[in-house]
Amino acid sequence: MNTENRNTVMEEKLIRGGNGMAVLILGGILYLAAFCFTLYVFAGERYHFFIPGILSIVYLIVGWLPFLGLKILRPNEAYVLTLFGNYYGTLRGPGFFFVNPFVTALNPVAGSSELSTAEVVASGSAGALVSGKRSAHKISNRISLKSMTLNNEKQKINDKLGNPIIIGIVVIWRVTNTARAVFNVDNYSEFLSIQCDSALRNIVRLYPYDVTDDDGAGEKSLRGSSTEIANKLQAEIQAKVEIAGLEIVEARITNLAYAPEIAAAMLQRQQASAIIDARQMIVEGAVGMVETALSKLSENHIVELDEERKAAMVSNLLVVLCGNKDPQPVVNSGSLY
């Protein structure tokens, strides 16, 4: 039974609504005519029209029912309609339409408050919808087909090396299959939020926060390979939400940092690594400068130095070039020896 339920995937069935304006005008004329005819028969005591008068009264009682089938849609909106519990179809496209007045429009997220600029903000662990800006009215039963933003709350996750990091992502998504979004999951917005959490944890655990030259050439990291990580994250989220009829337009890392408990130690490590790299560059440059100086002195026959004097000169030049402070020169006015 469970296997059958998992394999049952609703597919979208598009319907074409009638001309809502024509139904509105015709219904209004008929309603007005029935009202006038009722007054004509009973107020004028013309009882030879008794049966037509009764029919007019009946129409006044039930004539408002067709007006329930009038639906207005704005661009990038849709109605998912059910008739007596069965999927009736999806009404798409902007306009004023008439459908079966007994159908019911469904939207699983209609109970939550609508967000300004169509932005959905979801908490990372619980997947509950929250927002800093909420409008006073509720989301209607229309399904929005616009691109929306899910800004996932920052989470603490261990990377490949076991270091705790704080990471947050933003996901741009939209509904592409309204039937799947409504019938295959309970609430597609919360479903997306939970799947984003799961995919983010799976991806982060495969990569270290950062790599150095000693860690291996070509290894990808969260900090250095953000584009590749984002593409893999997008692909994994898309695979998880396919059943809900959602399309992941883009997924990006918006926040990435070490957790507070190790941030200071990692900063010291980065500083030490930077100092070592800088010192290595300085030493390499100093050795090259000393080599060039000795070579020029020898080629131009400016001064002839024995091995001991060369060693002393090399030592002095390296001290001057590699020192942290400016050197204090000592002028020797005596002879060379």
C-alpha atoms as a PDB file:
ATOM      1  CA  MET A   1       0.000   0.000   0.000  1.00  0.00           C
ATOM      2  CA  ASN A   2       2.806   2.426   0.865  1.00  0.00           C
ATOM      3  CA  THR A   3       4.657   1.628  -2.371  1.00  0.00           C
ATOM      4  CA  GLU A   4       1.562   2.373  -4.411  1.00  0.00           C
ATOM      5  CA  ASN A   5       1.055   5.703  -2.673  1.00  0.00           C
ATOM      6  CA  ARG A   6       4.656   6.749  -3.309  1.00  0.00           C
ATOM      7  CA  ASN A   7       4.364   5.870  -6.996  1.00  0.00           C
ATOM      8  CA  THR A   8       1.133   7.827  -7.458  1.00  0.00           C
ATOM      9  CA  VAL A   9       2.163  11.159  -8.955  1.00  0.00           C
ATOM     10  CA  MET A  10      -0.487  13.670  -9.971  1.00  0.00           C
ATOM     11  CA  GLU A  11      -0.082  15.259 -13.390  1.00  0.00           C
ATOM     12  CA  GLU A  12      -1.403  18.659 -14.309  1.00  0.00           C
ATOM     13  CA  LYS A  13      -4.570  18.833 -16.438  1.00  0.00           C
ATOM     14  CA  LEU A  14      -5.221  22.219 -18.002  1.00  0.00           C
ATOM     15  CA  ILE A  15      -8.783  23.416 -18.522  1.00  0.00           C
ATOM     16  CA  ARG A  16     -10.169  26.344 -20.464  1.00  0.00           C
ATOM     17  CA  GLY A  17     -12.626  28.567 -18.661  1.00  0.00           C
ATOM     18  CA  GLY A  18     -15.569  30.273 -20.308  1.00  0.00           C
ATOM     19  CA  ASN A  19     -16.015  33.978 -20.869  1.00  0.00           C
ATOM     20  CA  GLY A  20     -16.593  35.344 -17.415  1.00  0.00           C
ATOM     21  CA  MET A  21     -17.749  38.770 -18.573  1.00  0.00           C
ATOM     22  CA  ALA A  22     -20.450  37.266 -20.818  1.00  0.00           C
ATOM     23  CA  VAL A  23     -21.725  35.102 -17.963  1.00  0.00           C
ATOM     24  CA  LEU A  24     -21.724  38.090 -15.609  1.00  0.00           C
ATOM     25  CA  ILE A  25     -23.683  40.301 -18.000  1.00  0.00           C
ATOM     26  CA  LEU A  26     -26.142  37.568 -19.005  1.00  0.00           C
ATOM     27  CA  GLY A  27     -26.672  36.479 -15.409  1.00  0.00           C
ATOM     28  CA  GLY A  28     -27.241  40.063 -14.307  1.00  0.00           C
ATOM     29  CA  ILE A  29     -29.809  40.639 -17.060  1.00  0.00           C
ATOM     30  CA  LEU A  30     -31.665  37.419 -16.226  1.00  0.00           C
ATOM     31  CA  TYR A  31     -31.636  38.212 -12.539  1.00  0.00           C
ATOM     32  CA  LEU A  32     -33.000  41.703 -13.153  1.00  0.00           C
ATOM     33  CA  ALA A  33     -35.635  40.325 -15.534  1.00  0.00           C
ATOM     34  CA  ALA A  34     -36.754  37.710 -12.988  1.00  0.00           C
ATOM     35  CA  PHE A  35     -37.035  40.353 -10.296  1.00  0.00           C
ATOM     36  CA  CYS A  36     -39.101  42.657 -12.517  1.00  0.00           C
ATOM     37  CA  PHE A  37     -41.344  39.799 -13.685  1.00  0.00           C
ATOM     38  CA  THR A  38     -41.951  38.735 -10.070  1.00  0.00           C
ATOM     39  CA  LEU A  39     -43.069  42.263  -9.209  1.00  0.00           C
ATOM     40  CA  TYR A  40     -45.207  42.364 -12.375  1.00  0.00           C
ATOM     41  CA  VAL A  41     -47.049  39.158 -11.451  1.00  0.00           C
ATOM     42  CA  PHE A  42     -47.536  39.430  -7.711  1.00  0.00           C
ATOM     43  CA  ALA A  43     -47.578  43.161  -7.156  1.00  0.00           C
ATOM     44  CA  GLY A  44     -49.946  43.616 -10.091  1.00  0.00           C
ATOM     45  CA  GLU A  45     -52.035  40.591  -9.002  1.00  0.00           C
ATOM     46  CA  ARG A  46     -51.778  39.014 -12.447  1.00  0.00           C
ATOM     47  CA  TYR A  47     -52.254  35.492 -11.175  1.00  0.00           C
ATOM     48  CA  HIS A  48     -52.782  34.034 -14.632  1.00  0.00           C
ATOM     49  CA  PHE A  49     -48.937  34.194 -14.738  1.00  0.00           C
ATOM     50  CA  PHE A  50     -48.773  32.386 -11.425  1.00  0.00           C
ATOM     51  CA  ILE A  51     -46.559  29.472 -12.569  1.00  0.00           C
ATOM     52  CA  PRO A  52     -44.067  31.696 -14.449  1.00  0.00           C
ATOM     53  CA  GLY A  53     -44.038  33.941 -11.404  1.00  0.00           C
ATOM     54  CA  ILE A  54     -43.137  31.012  -9.155  1.00  0.00           C
ATOM     55  CA  LEU A  55     -40.342  30.071 -11.544  1.00  0.00           C
ATOM     56  CA  SER A  56     -39.055  33.637 -11.344  1.00  0.00           C
ATOM     57  CA  ILE A  57     -38.971  33.434  -7.557  1.00  0.00           C
ATOM     58  CA  VAL A  58     -37.093  30.122  -7.757  1.00  0.00           C
ATOM     59  CA  TYR A  59     -34.594  31.720 -10.128  1.00  0.00           C
ATOM     60  CA  LEU A  60     -34.116  34.637  -7.709  1.00  0.00           C
ATOM     61  CA  ILE A  61     -33.283  32.095  -5.014  1.00  0.00           C
ATOM     62  CA  VAL A  62     -30.801  29.975  -6.982  1.00  0.00           C
ATOM     63  CA  GLY A  63     -29.792  32.350  -9.772  1.00  0.00           C
ATOM     64  CA  TRP A  64     -26.740  33.560  -7.864  1.00  0.00           C
ATOM     65  CA  LEU A  65     -25.068  30.129  -8.057  1.00  0.00           C
ATOM     66  CA  PRO A  66     -23.478  30.673 -11.531  1.00  0.00           C
ATOM     67  CA  PHE A  67     -21.721  33.738 -10.130  1.00  0.00           C
ATOM     68  CA  LEU A  68     -19.703  31.382  -7.903  1.00  0.00           C
ATOM     69  CA  GLY A  69     -17.996  30.094 -11.026  1.00  0.00           C
ATOM     70  CA  LEU A  70     -16.502  33.470 -11.932  1.00  0.00           C
ATOM     71  CA  LYS A  71     -12.721  33.509 -11.457  1.00  0.00           C
ATOM     72  CA  ILE A  72     -10.198  36.300 -11.980  1.00  0.00           C
ATOM     73  CA  LEU A  73      -6.538  35.475 -12.593  1.00  0.00           C
ATOM     74  CA  ARG A  74      -3.598  37.839 -12.819  1.00  0.00           C
ATOM     75  CA  PRO A  75      -0.427  37.074 -14.836  1.00  0.00           C
ATOM     76  CA  ASN A  76       1.631  34.132 -13.496  1.00  0.00           C
ATOM     77  CA  GLU A  77      -1.212  32.783 -11.370  1.00  0.00           C
ATOM     78  CA  ALA A  78      -3.286  29.597 -11.521  1.00  0.00           C
ATOM     79  CA  TYR A  79      -6.231  27.905  -9.852  1.00  0.00           C
ATOM     80  CA  VAL A  80      -6.106  24.223  -8.889  1.00  0.00           C
ATOM     81  CA  LEU A  81      -9.757  23.126  -8.911  1.00  0.00           C
ATOM     82  CA  THR A  82     -11.438  20.076  -7.388  1.00  0.00           C
ATOM     83  CA  LEU A  83     -14.991  18.858  -7.875  1.00  0.00           C
ATOM     84  CA  PHE A  84     -16.471  16.856  -5.019  1.00  0.00           C
ATOM     85  CA  GLY A  85     -13.013  15.740  -3.887  1.00  0.00           C
ATOM     86  CA  ASN A  86     -11.665  14.840  -7.341  1.00  0.00           C
ATOM     87  CA  TYR A  87      -9.083  16.803  -9.288  1.00  0.00           C
ATOM     88  CA  TYR A  88     -11.019  18.842 -11.847  1.00  0.00           C
ATOM     89  CA  GLY A  89      -8.176  20.702 -13.557  1.00  0.00           C
ATOM     90  CA  THR A  90      -5.869  23.696 -13.475  1.00  0.00           C
ATOM     91  CA  LEU A  91      -6.912  27.098 -14.775  1.00  0.00           C
ATOM     92  CA  ARG A  92      -3.962  29.178 -15.997  1.00  0.00           C
ATOM     93  CA  GLY A  93      -3.476  32.508 -17.685  1.00  0.00           C
ATOM     94  CA  PRO A  94      -4.663  36.046 -16.910  1.00  0.00           C
ATOM     95  CA  GLY A  95      -8.293  36.925 -17.505  1.00  0.00           C
ATOM     96  CA  PHE A  96     -11.886  36.748 -16.295  1.00  0.00           C
ATOM     97  CA  PHE A  97     -13.188  33.174 -16.542  1.00  0.00           C
ATOM     98  CA  PHE A  98     -16.272  31.106 -15.836  1.00  0.00           C
ATOM     99  CA  VAL A  99     -15.935  27.533 -14.565  1.00  0.00           C
ATOM    100  CA  ASN A 100     -18.198  25.010 -12.913  1.00  0.00           C
ATOM    101  CA  PRO A 101     -19.635  26.886  -9.901  1.00  0.00           C
ATOM    102  CA  PHE A 102     -19.328  23.786  -7.713  1.00  0.00           C
ATOM    103  CA  VAL A 103     -15.554  23.453  -8.026  1.00  0.00           C
ATOM    104  CA  THR A 104     -13.258  24.418  -5.145  1.00  0.00           C
ATOM    105  CA  ALA A 105      -9.866  26.094  -5.470  1.00  0.00           C
ATOM    106  CA  LEU A 106      -7.055  24.643  -3.336  1.00  0.00           C
ATOM    107  CA  ASN A 107      -3.795  26.159  -2.138  1.00  0.00           C
ATOM    108  CA  PRO A 108      -1.871  24.387   0.661  1.00  0.00           C
ATOM    109  CA  VAL A 109      -0.081  27.572   1.743  1.00  0.00           C
ATOM    110  CA  ALA A 110      -3.247  29.665   1.889  1.00  0.00           C
ATOM    111  CA  GLY A 111      -3.209  29.554   5.685  1.00  0.00           C
ATOM    112  CA  SER A 112       0.033  31.505   5.977  1.00  0.00           C
ATOM    113  CA  SER A 113       0.402  35.226   5.591  1.00  0.00           C
ATOM    114  CA  GLU A 114       1.387  36.600   2.213  1.00  0.00           C
ATOM    115  CA  LEU A 115       4.868  38.065   1.962  1.00  0.00           C
ATOM    116  CA  SER A 116       5.623  41.330   0.322  1.00  0.00           C
ATOM    117  CA  THR A 117       7.545  41.023  -2.984  1.00  0.00           C
ATOM    118  CA  ALA A 118       6.554  37.346  -2.991  1.00  0.00           C
ATOM    119  CA  GLU A 119       9.489  36.422  -0.773  1.00  0.00           C
ATOM    120  CA  VAL A 120       9.396  33.245   1.268  1.00  0.00           C
ATOM    121  CA  VAL A 121      11.714  33.044   4.255  1.00  0.00           C
ATOM    122  CA  ALA A 122      11.954  29.658   5.931  1.00  0.00           C
ATOM    123  CA  SER A 123      13.649  28.556   9.104  1.00  0.00           C
ATOM    124  CA  GLY A 124      16.453  26.096   8.580  1.00  0.00           C
ATOM    125  CA  SER A 125      15.785  23.347  11.115  1.00  0.00           C
ATOM    126  CA  ALA A 126      12.039  23.314  11.517  1.00  0.00           C
ATOM    127  CA  GLY A 127      11.069  24.416   8.016  1.00  0.00           C
ATOM    128  CA  ALA A 128       8.405  26.751   9.375  1.00  0.00           C
ATOM    129  CA  LEU A 129       7.551  29.825   7.361  1.00  0.00           C
ATOM    130  CA  VAL A 130       8.539  33.102   8.972  1.00  0.00           C
ATOM    131  CA  SER A 131       8.924  36.606   7.692  1.00  0.00           C
ATOM    132  CA  GLY A 132      10.028  40.020   8.848  1.00  0.00           C
ATOM    133  CA  LYS A 133       7.419  41.693   6.642  1.00  0.00           C
ATOM    134  CA  ARG A 134       3.897  40.364   6.610  1.00  0.00           C
ATOM    135  CA  SER A 135       0.953  42.001   4.952  1.00  0.00           C
ATOM    136  CA  ALA A 136      -2.387  42.275   6.643  1.00  0.00           C
ATOM    137  CA  HIS A 137      -4.241  39.970   4.226  1.00  0.00           C
ATOM    138  CA  LYS A 138      -3.933  36.241   3.698  1.00  0.00           C
ATOM    139  CA  ILE A 139      -2.710  34.384   0.642  1.00  0.00           C
ATOM    140  CA  SER A 140      -5.641  33.627  -1.668  1.00  0.00           C
ATOM    141  CA  ASN A 141      -6.413  30.244  -3.163  1.00  0.00           C
ATOM    142  CA  ARG A 142      -4.477  31.189  -6.295  1.00  0.00           C
ATOM    143  CA  ILE A 143      -1.190  29.349  -6.892  1.00  0.00           C
ATOM    144  CA  SER A 144       1.595  31.793  -7.683  1.00  0.00           C
ATOM    145  CA  LEU A 145       3.750  30.808 -10.657  1.00  0.00           C
ATOM    146  CA  LYS A 146       6.238  33.629 -10.085  1.00  0.00           C
ATOM    147  CA  SER A 147       9.857  33.111  -9.130  1.00  0.00           C
ATOM    148  CA  MET A 148      10.154  33.244  -5.345  1.00  0.00           C
ATOM    149  CA  THR A 149      13.043  33.389  -2.910  1.00  0.00           C
ATOM    150  CA  LEU A 150      13.643  31.059   0.008  1.00  0.00           C
ATOM    151  CA  ASN A 151      16.316  32.465   2.309  1.00  0.00           C
ATOM    152  CA  ASN A 152      17.382  29.561   4.477  1.00  0.00           C
ATOM    153  CA  GLU A 153      18.352  30.338   8.047  1.00  0.00           C
ATOM    154  CA  LYS A 154      22.023  29.919   8.956  1.00  0.00           C
ATOM    155  CA  GLN A 155      22.937  26.415  10.121  1.00  0.00           C
ATOM    156  CA  LYS A 156      25.851  24.870  11.972  1.00  0.00           C
ATOM    157  CA  ILE A 157      27.211  21.900  10.002  1.00  0.00           C
ATOM    158  CA  ASN A 158      30.466  19.948  10.198  1.00  0.00           C
ATOM    159  CA  ASP A 159      32.543  20.021   7.026  1.00  0.00           C
ATOM    160  CA  LYS A 160      34.586  17.123   5.593  1.00  0.00           C
ATOM    161  CA  LEU A 161      37.340  17.653   8.174  1.00  0.00           C
ATOM    162  CA  GLY A 162      34.869  17.778  11.066  1.00  0.00           C
ATOM    163  CA  ASN A 163      35.175  21.530  11.608  1.00  0.00           C
ATOM    164  CA  PRO A 164      31.883  23.190  12.593  1.00  0.00           C
ATOM    165  CA  ILE A 165      30.925  25.963  10.192  1.00  0.00           C
ATOM    166  CA  ILE A 166      28.030  28.397   9.910  1.00  0.00           C
ATOM    167  CA  ILE A 167      26.458  28.368   6.455  1.00  0.00           C
ATOM    168  CA  GLY A 168      23.342  29.843   4.866  1.00  0.00           C
ATOM    169  CA  ILE A 169      21.902  29.582   1.358  1.00  0.00           C
ATOM    170  CA  VAL A 170      19.324  31.355  -0.768  1.00  0.00           C
ATOM    171  CA  VAL A 171      17.192  29.420  -3.256  1.00  0.00           C
ATOM    172  CA  ILE A 172      15.203  30.923  -6.134  1.00  0.00           C
ATOM    173  CA  TRP A 173      12.318  28.650  -7.108  1.00  0.00           C
ATOM    174  CA  ARG A 174       8.925  28.543  -8.775  1.00  0.00           C
ATOM    175  CA  VAL A 175       5.973  26.204  -9.224  1.00  0.00           C
ATOM    176  CA  THR A 176       5.883  24.474 -12.602  1.00  0.00           C
ATOM    177  CA  ASN A 177       3.372  21.668 -11.997  1.00  0.00           C
ATOM    178  CA  THR A 178       0.460  22.871  -9.880  1.00  0.00           C
ATOM    179  CA  ALA A 179      -1.140  19.429  -9.499  1.00  0.00           C
ATOM    180  CA  ARG A 180       2.021  17.950  -8.000  1.00  0.00           C
ATOM    181  CA  ALA A 181       2.519  20.964  -5.742  1.00  0.00           C
ATOM    182  CA  VAL A 182      -0.982  20.696  -4.310  1.00  0.00           C
ATOM    183  CA  PHE A 183      -1.642  16.945  -4.188  1.00  0.00           C
ATOM    184  CA  ASN A 184       1.758  15.221  -3.873  1.00  0.00           C
ATOM    185  CA  VAL A 185       2.960  17.086  -0.756  1.00  0.00           C
ATOM    186  CA  ASP A 186       1.191  18.600   2.194  1.00  0.00           C
ATOM    187  CA  ASN A 187       2.709  22.091   1.918  1.00  0.00           C
ATOM    188  CA  TYR A 188       5.134  22.680  -0.943  1.00  0.00           C
ATOM    189  CA  SER A 189       6.809  25.697   0.695  1.00  0.00           C
ATOM    190  CA  GLU A 190       7.628  23.816   3.896  1.00  0.00           C
ATOM    191  CA  PHE A 191       8.573  20.749   1.855  1.00  0.00           C
ATOM    192  CA  LEU A 192      11.068  22.833  -0.120  1.00  0.00           C
ATOM    193  CA  SER A 193      12.559  24.307   3.047  1.00  0.00           C
ATOM    194  CA  ILE A 194      13.136  20.891   4.617  1.00  0.00           C
ATOM    195  CA  GLN A 195      14.641  19.469   1.431  1.00  0.00           C
ATOM    196  CA  CYS A 196      16.996  22.464   1.210  1.00  0.00           C
ATOM    197  CA  ASP A 197      18.210  21.719   4.745  1.00  0.00           C
ATOM    198  CA  SER A 198      18.793  18.069   3.896  1.00  0.00           C
ATOM    199  CA  ALA A 199      20.607  18.799   0.628  1.00  0.00           C
ATOM    200  CA  LEU A 200      22.781  21.453   2.247  1.00  0.00           C
ATOM    201  CA  ARG A 201      23.943  19.064   4.967  1.00  0.00           C
ATOM    202  CA  ASN A 202      24.713  16.349   2.424  1.00  0.00           C
ATOM    203  CA  ILE A 203      26.788  18.690   0.263  1.00  0.00           C
ATOM    204  CA  VAL A 204      28.697  20.425   3.069  1.00  0.00           C
ATOM    205  CA  ARG A 205      29.853  17.127   4.563  1.00  0.00           C
ATOM    206  CA  LEU A 206      31.644  16.265   1.309  1.00  0.00           C
ATOM    207  CA  TYR A 207      33.961  19.297   1.205  1.00  0.00           C
ATOM    208  CA  PRO A 208      36.349  21.053   3.590  1.00  0.00           C
ATOM    209  CA  TYR A 209      35.887  24.702   4.429  1.00  0.00           C
ATOM    210  CA  ASP A 210      39.209  25.613   2.843  1.00  0.00           C
ATOM    211  CA  VAL A 211      42.303  23.875   1.457  1.00  0.00           C
ATOM    212  CA  THR A 212      45.968  24.765   1.317  1.00  0.00           C
ATOM    213  CA  ASP A 213      48.707  23.709  -1.066  1.00  0.00           C
ATOM    214  CA  ASP A 214      49.757  20.946   1.319  1.00  0.00           C
ATOM    215  CA  ASP A 215      46.249  19.466   1.397  1.00  0.00           C
ATOM    216  CA  GLY A 216      46.412  18.345  -2.227  1.00  0.00           C
ATOM    217  CA  ALA A 217      46.250  20.118  -5.525  1.00  0.00           C
ATOM    218  CA  GLY A 218      42.870  20.419  -7.215  1.00  0.00           C
ATOM    219  CA  GLU A 219      40.745  19.589  -4.164  1.00  0.00           C
ATOM    220  CA  LYS A 220      37.535  21.597  -4.042  1.00  0.00           C
ATOM    221  CA  SER A 221      36.471  23.530  -0.969  1.00  0.00           C
ATOM    222  CA  LEU A 222      33.407  25.421   0.190  1.00  0.00           C
ATOM    223  CA  ARG A 223      35.229  28.748   0.133  1.00  0.00           C
ATOM    224  CA  GLY A 224      37.263  28.311  -3.031  1.00  0.00           C
ATOM    225  CA  SER A 225      34.780  26.455  -5.232  1.00  0.00           C
ATOM    226  CA  SER A 226      31.539  28.274  -4.505  1.00  0.00           C
ATOM    227  CA  THR A 227      30.227  28.043  -8.079  1.00  0.00           C
ATOM    228  CA  GLU A 228      30.721  24.272  -8.326  1.00  0.00           C
ATOM    229  CA  ILE A 229      29.224  23.747  -4.872  1.00  0.00           C
ATOM    230  CA  ALA A 230      26.206  25.892  -5.787  1.00  0.00           C
ATOM    231  CA  ASN A 231      25.612  23.889  -8.971  1.00  0.00           C
ATOM    232  CA  LYS A 232      25.728  20.589  -7.091  1.00  0.00           C
ATOM    233  CA  LEU A 233      23.459  22.008  -4.410  1.00  0.00           C
ATOM    234  CA  GLN A 234      20.955  23.143  -7.036  1.00  0.00           C
ATOM    235  CA  ALA A 235      20.977  19.732  -8.721  1.00  0.00           C
ATOM    236  CA  GLU A 236      20.438  17.852  -5.450  1.00  0.00           C
ATOM    237  CA  ILE A 237      17.581  20.108  -4.319  1.00  0.00           C
ATOM    238  CA  GLN A 238      15.964  19.795  -7.757  1.00  0.00           C
ATOM    239  CA  ALA A 239      16.042  16.015  -7.538  1.00  0.00           C
ATOM    240  CA  LYS A 240      14.397  16.100  -4.114  1.00  0.00           C
ATOM    241  CA  VAL A 241      11.567  18.517  -5.022  1.00  0.00           C
ATOM    242  CA  GLU A 242      10.722  17.076  -8.444  1.00  0.00           C
ATOM    243  CA  ILE A 243       7.813  15.207  -6.874  1.00  0.00           C
ATOM    244  CA  ALA A 244       6.361  18.531  -5.686  1.00  0.00           C
ATOM    245  CA  GLY A 245       6.378  20.077  -9.162  1.00  0.00           C
ATOM    246  CA  LEU A 246       8.931  22.753  -8.271  1.00  0.00           C
ATOM    247  CA  GLU A 247      11.805  24.128 -10.342  1.00  0.00           C
ATOM    248  CA  ILE A 248      14.993  25.335  -8.668  1.00  0.00           C
ATOM    249  CA  VAL A 249      16.147  28.315 -10.708  1.00  0.00           C
ATOM    250  CA  GLU A 250      19.250  29.057  -8.639  1.00  0.00           C
ATOM    251  CA  ALA A 251      20.888  28.119  -5.340  1.00  0.00           C
ATOM    252  CA  ARG A 252      23.695  30.196  -3.833  1.00  0.00           C
ATOM    253  CA  ILE A 253      25.687  30.272  -0.600  1.00  0.00           C
ATOM    254  CA  THR A 254      25.052  33.597   1.136  1.00  0.00           C
ATOM    255  CA  ASN A 255      26.913  33.067   4.405  1.00  0.00           C
ATOM    256  CA  LEU A 256      29.998  30.983   5.142  1.00  0.00           C
ATOM    257  CA  ALA A 257      32.134  31.208   8.284  1.00  0.00           C
ATOM    258  CA  TYR A 258      33.710  29.068  10.969  1.00  0.00           C
ATOM    259  CA  ALA A 259      31.624  28.484  14.073  1.00  0.00           C
ATOM    260  CA  PRO A 260      32.415  30.893  16.940  1.00  0.00           C
ATOM    261  CA  GLU A 261      34.077  28.194  19.079  1.00  0.00           C
ATOM    262  CA  ILE A 262      36.846  27.607  16.523  1.00  0.00           C
ATOM    263  CA  ALA A 263      36.857  30.895  14.639  1.00  0.00           C
ATOM    264  CA  ALA A 264      39.705  32.407  16.715  1.00  0.00           C
ATOM    265  CA  ALA A 265      41.934  29.350  16.323  1.00  0.00           C
ATOM    266  CA  MET A 266      41.285  29.160  12.586  1.00  0.00           C
ATOM    267  CA  LEU A 267      42.062  32.867  12.255  1.00  0.00           C
ATOM    268  CA  GLN A 268      45.425  32.342  13.948  1.00  0.00           C
ATOM    269  CA  ARG A 269      46.095  29.429  11.610  1.00  0.00           C
ATOM    270  CA  GLN A 270      45.299  31.552   8.580  1.00  0.00           C
ATOM    271  CA  GLN A 271      47.477  34.375   9.881  1.00  0.00           C
ATOM    272  CA  ALA A 272      50.377  31.980  10.502  1.00  0.00           C
ATOM    273  CA  SER A 273      50.001  30.511   7.027  1.00  0.00           C
ATOM    274  CA  ALA A 274      49.983  34.001   5.515  1.00  0.00           C
ATOM    275  CA  ILE A 275      53.112  34.988   7.478  1.00  0.00           C
ATOM    276  CA  ILE A 276      54.932  31.828   6.376  1.00  0.00           C
ATOM    277  CA  ASP A 277      54.017  32.424   2.738  1.00  0.00           C
ATOM    278  CA  ALA A 278      55.135  36.059   2.985  1.00  0.00           C
ATOM    279  CA  ARG A 279      58.448  35.095   4.627  1.00  0.00           C
ATOM    280  CA  GLN A 280      59.080  32.458   2.005  1.00  0.00           C
ATOM    281  CA  MET A 281      58.538  35.004  -0.748  1.00  0.00           C
ATOM    282  CA  ILE A 282      60.828  37.528   0.976  1.00  0.00           C
ATOM    283  CA  VAL A 283      63.610  34.972   1.419  1.00  0.00           C
ATOM    284  CA  GLU A 284      63.375  33.830  -2.179  1.00  0.00           C
ATOM    285  CA  GLY A 285      63.553  37.418  -3.374  1.00  0.00           C
ATOM    286  CA  ALA A 286      66.455  38.237  -1.037  1.00  0.00           C
ATOM    287  CA  VAL A 287      68.496  35.261  -2.201  1.00  0.00           C
ATOM    288  CA  GLY A 288      67.962  36.312  -5.806  1.00  0.00           C
ATOM    289  CA  MET A 289      69.012  39.885  -5.031  1.00  0.00           C
ATOM    290  CA  VAL A 290      72.165  38.721  -3.229  1.00  0.00           C
ATOM    291  CA  GLU A 291      73.040  36.403  -6.088  1.00  0.00           C
ATOM    292  CA  THR A 292      72.570  39.236  -8.580  1.00  0.00           C
ATOM    293  CA  ALA A 293      74.714  41.619  -6.478  1.00  0.00           C
ATOM    294  CA  LEU A 294      77.597  39.179  -6.224  1.00  0.00           C
ATOM    295  CA  SER A 295      77.397  38.401  -9.905  1.00  0.00           C
ATOM    296  CA  LYS A 296      77.463  42.081 -10.902  1.00  0.00           C
ATOM    297  CA  LEU A 297      80.388  42.825  -8.597  1.00  0.00           C
ATOM    298  CA  SER A 298      82.347  39.973 -10.103  1.00  0.00           C
ATOM    299  CA  GLU A 299      81.492  40.744 -13.718  1.00  0.00           C
ATOM    300  CA  ASN A 300      82.274  44.467 -13.489  1.00  0.00           C
ATOM    301  CA  HIS A 301      85.479  43.833 -11.463  1.00  0.00           C
ATOM    302  CA  ILE A 302      84.382  46.397  -8.910  1.00  0.00           C
ATOM    303  CA  VAL A 303      85.886  44.530  -5.993  1.00  0.00           C
ATOM    304  CA  GLU A 304      87.477  41.139  -5.504  1.00  0.00           C
ATOM    305  CA  LEU A 305      86.125  39.245  -2.500  1.00  0.00           C
ATOM    306  CA  ASP A 306      87.383  35.998  -1.071  1.00  0.00           C
ATOM    307  CA  GLU A 307      85.016  33.311   0.161  1.00  0.00           C
ATOM    308  CA  GLU A 308      85.021  34.599   3.731  1.00  0.00           C
ATOM    309  CA  ARG A 309      84.166  38.166   2.642  1.00  0.00           C
ATOM    310  CA  LYS A 310      81.479  36.859   0.316  1.00  0.00           C
ATOM    311  CA  ALA A 311      79.937  34.923   3.196  1.00  0.00           C
ATOM    312  CA  ALA A 312      79.958  38.033   5.386  1.00  0.00           C
ATOM    313  CA  MET A 313      78.398  40.120   2.605  1.00  0.00           C
ATOM    314  CA  VAL A 314      75.707  37.516   1.985  1.00  0.00           C
ATOM    315  CA  SER A 315      74.917  37.408   5.700  1.00  0.00           C
ATOM    316  CA  ASN A 316      74.657  41.184   5.956  1.00  0.00           C
ATOM    317  CA  LEU A 317      72.495  41.498   2.838  1.00  0.00           C
ATOM    318  CA  LEU A 318      70.110  38.776   3.993  1.00  0.00           C
ATOM    319  CA  VAL A 319      69.780  40.437   7.395  1.00  0.00           C
ATOM    320  CA  VAL A 320      69.012  43.782   5.749  1.00  0.00           C
ATOM    321  CA  LEU A 321      66.588  42.365   3.149  1.00  0.00           C
ATOM    322  CA  CYS A 322      64.756  39.928   5.429  1.00  0.00           C
ATOM    323  CA  GLY A 323      64.579  42.050   8.579  1.00  0.00           C
ATOM    324  CA  ASN A 324      61.303  43.456   9.895  1.00  0.00           C
ATOM    325  CA  LYS A 325      62.853  46.839  10.751  1.00  0.00           C
ATOM    326  CA  ASP A 326      64.871  49.307   8.783  1.00  0.00           C
ATOM    327  CA  PRO A 327      68.633  48.624   9.151  1.00  0.00           C
ATOM    328  CA  GLN A 328      71.028  51.052  10.829  1.00  0.00           C
ATOM    329  CA  PRO A 329      73.980  51.533   8.428  1.00  0.00           C
ATOM    330  CA  VAL A 330      77.547  51.554   9.727  1.00  0.00           C
ATOM    331  CA  VAL A 331      80.040  53.532   7.612  1.00  0.00           C
ATOM    332  CA  ASN A 332      83.559  52.062   7.603  1.00  0.00           C
ATOM    333  CA  SER A 333      86.109  54.754   6.626  1.00  0.00           C
ATOM    334  CA  GLY A 334      89.116  52.452   6.956  1.00  0.00           C
ATOM    335  CA  SER A 335      90.711  50.072   4.528  1.00  0.00           C
ATOM    336  CA  LEU A 336      88.988  47.021   3.118  1.00  0.00           C
ATOM    337  CA  TYR A 337      91.162  44.696   5.256  1.00  0.00           C
END
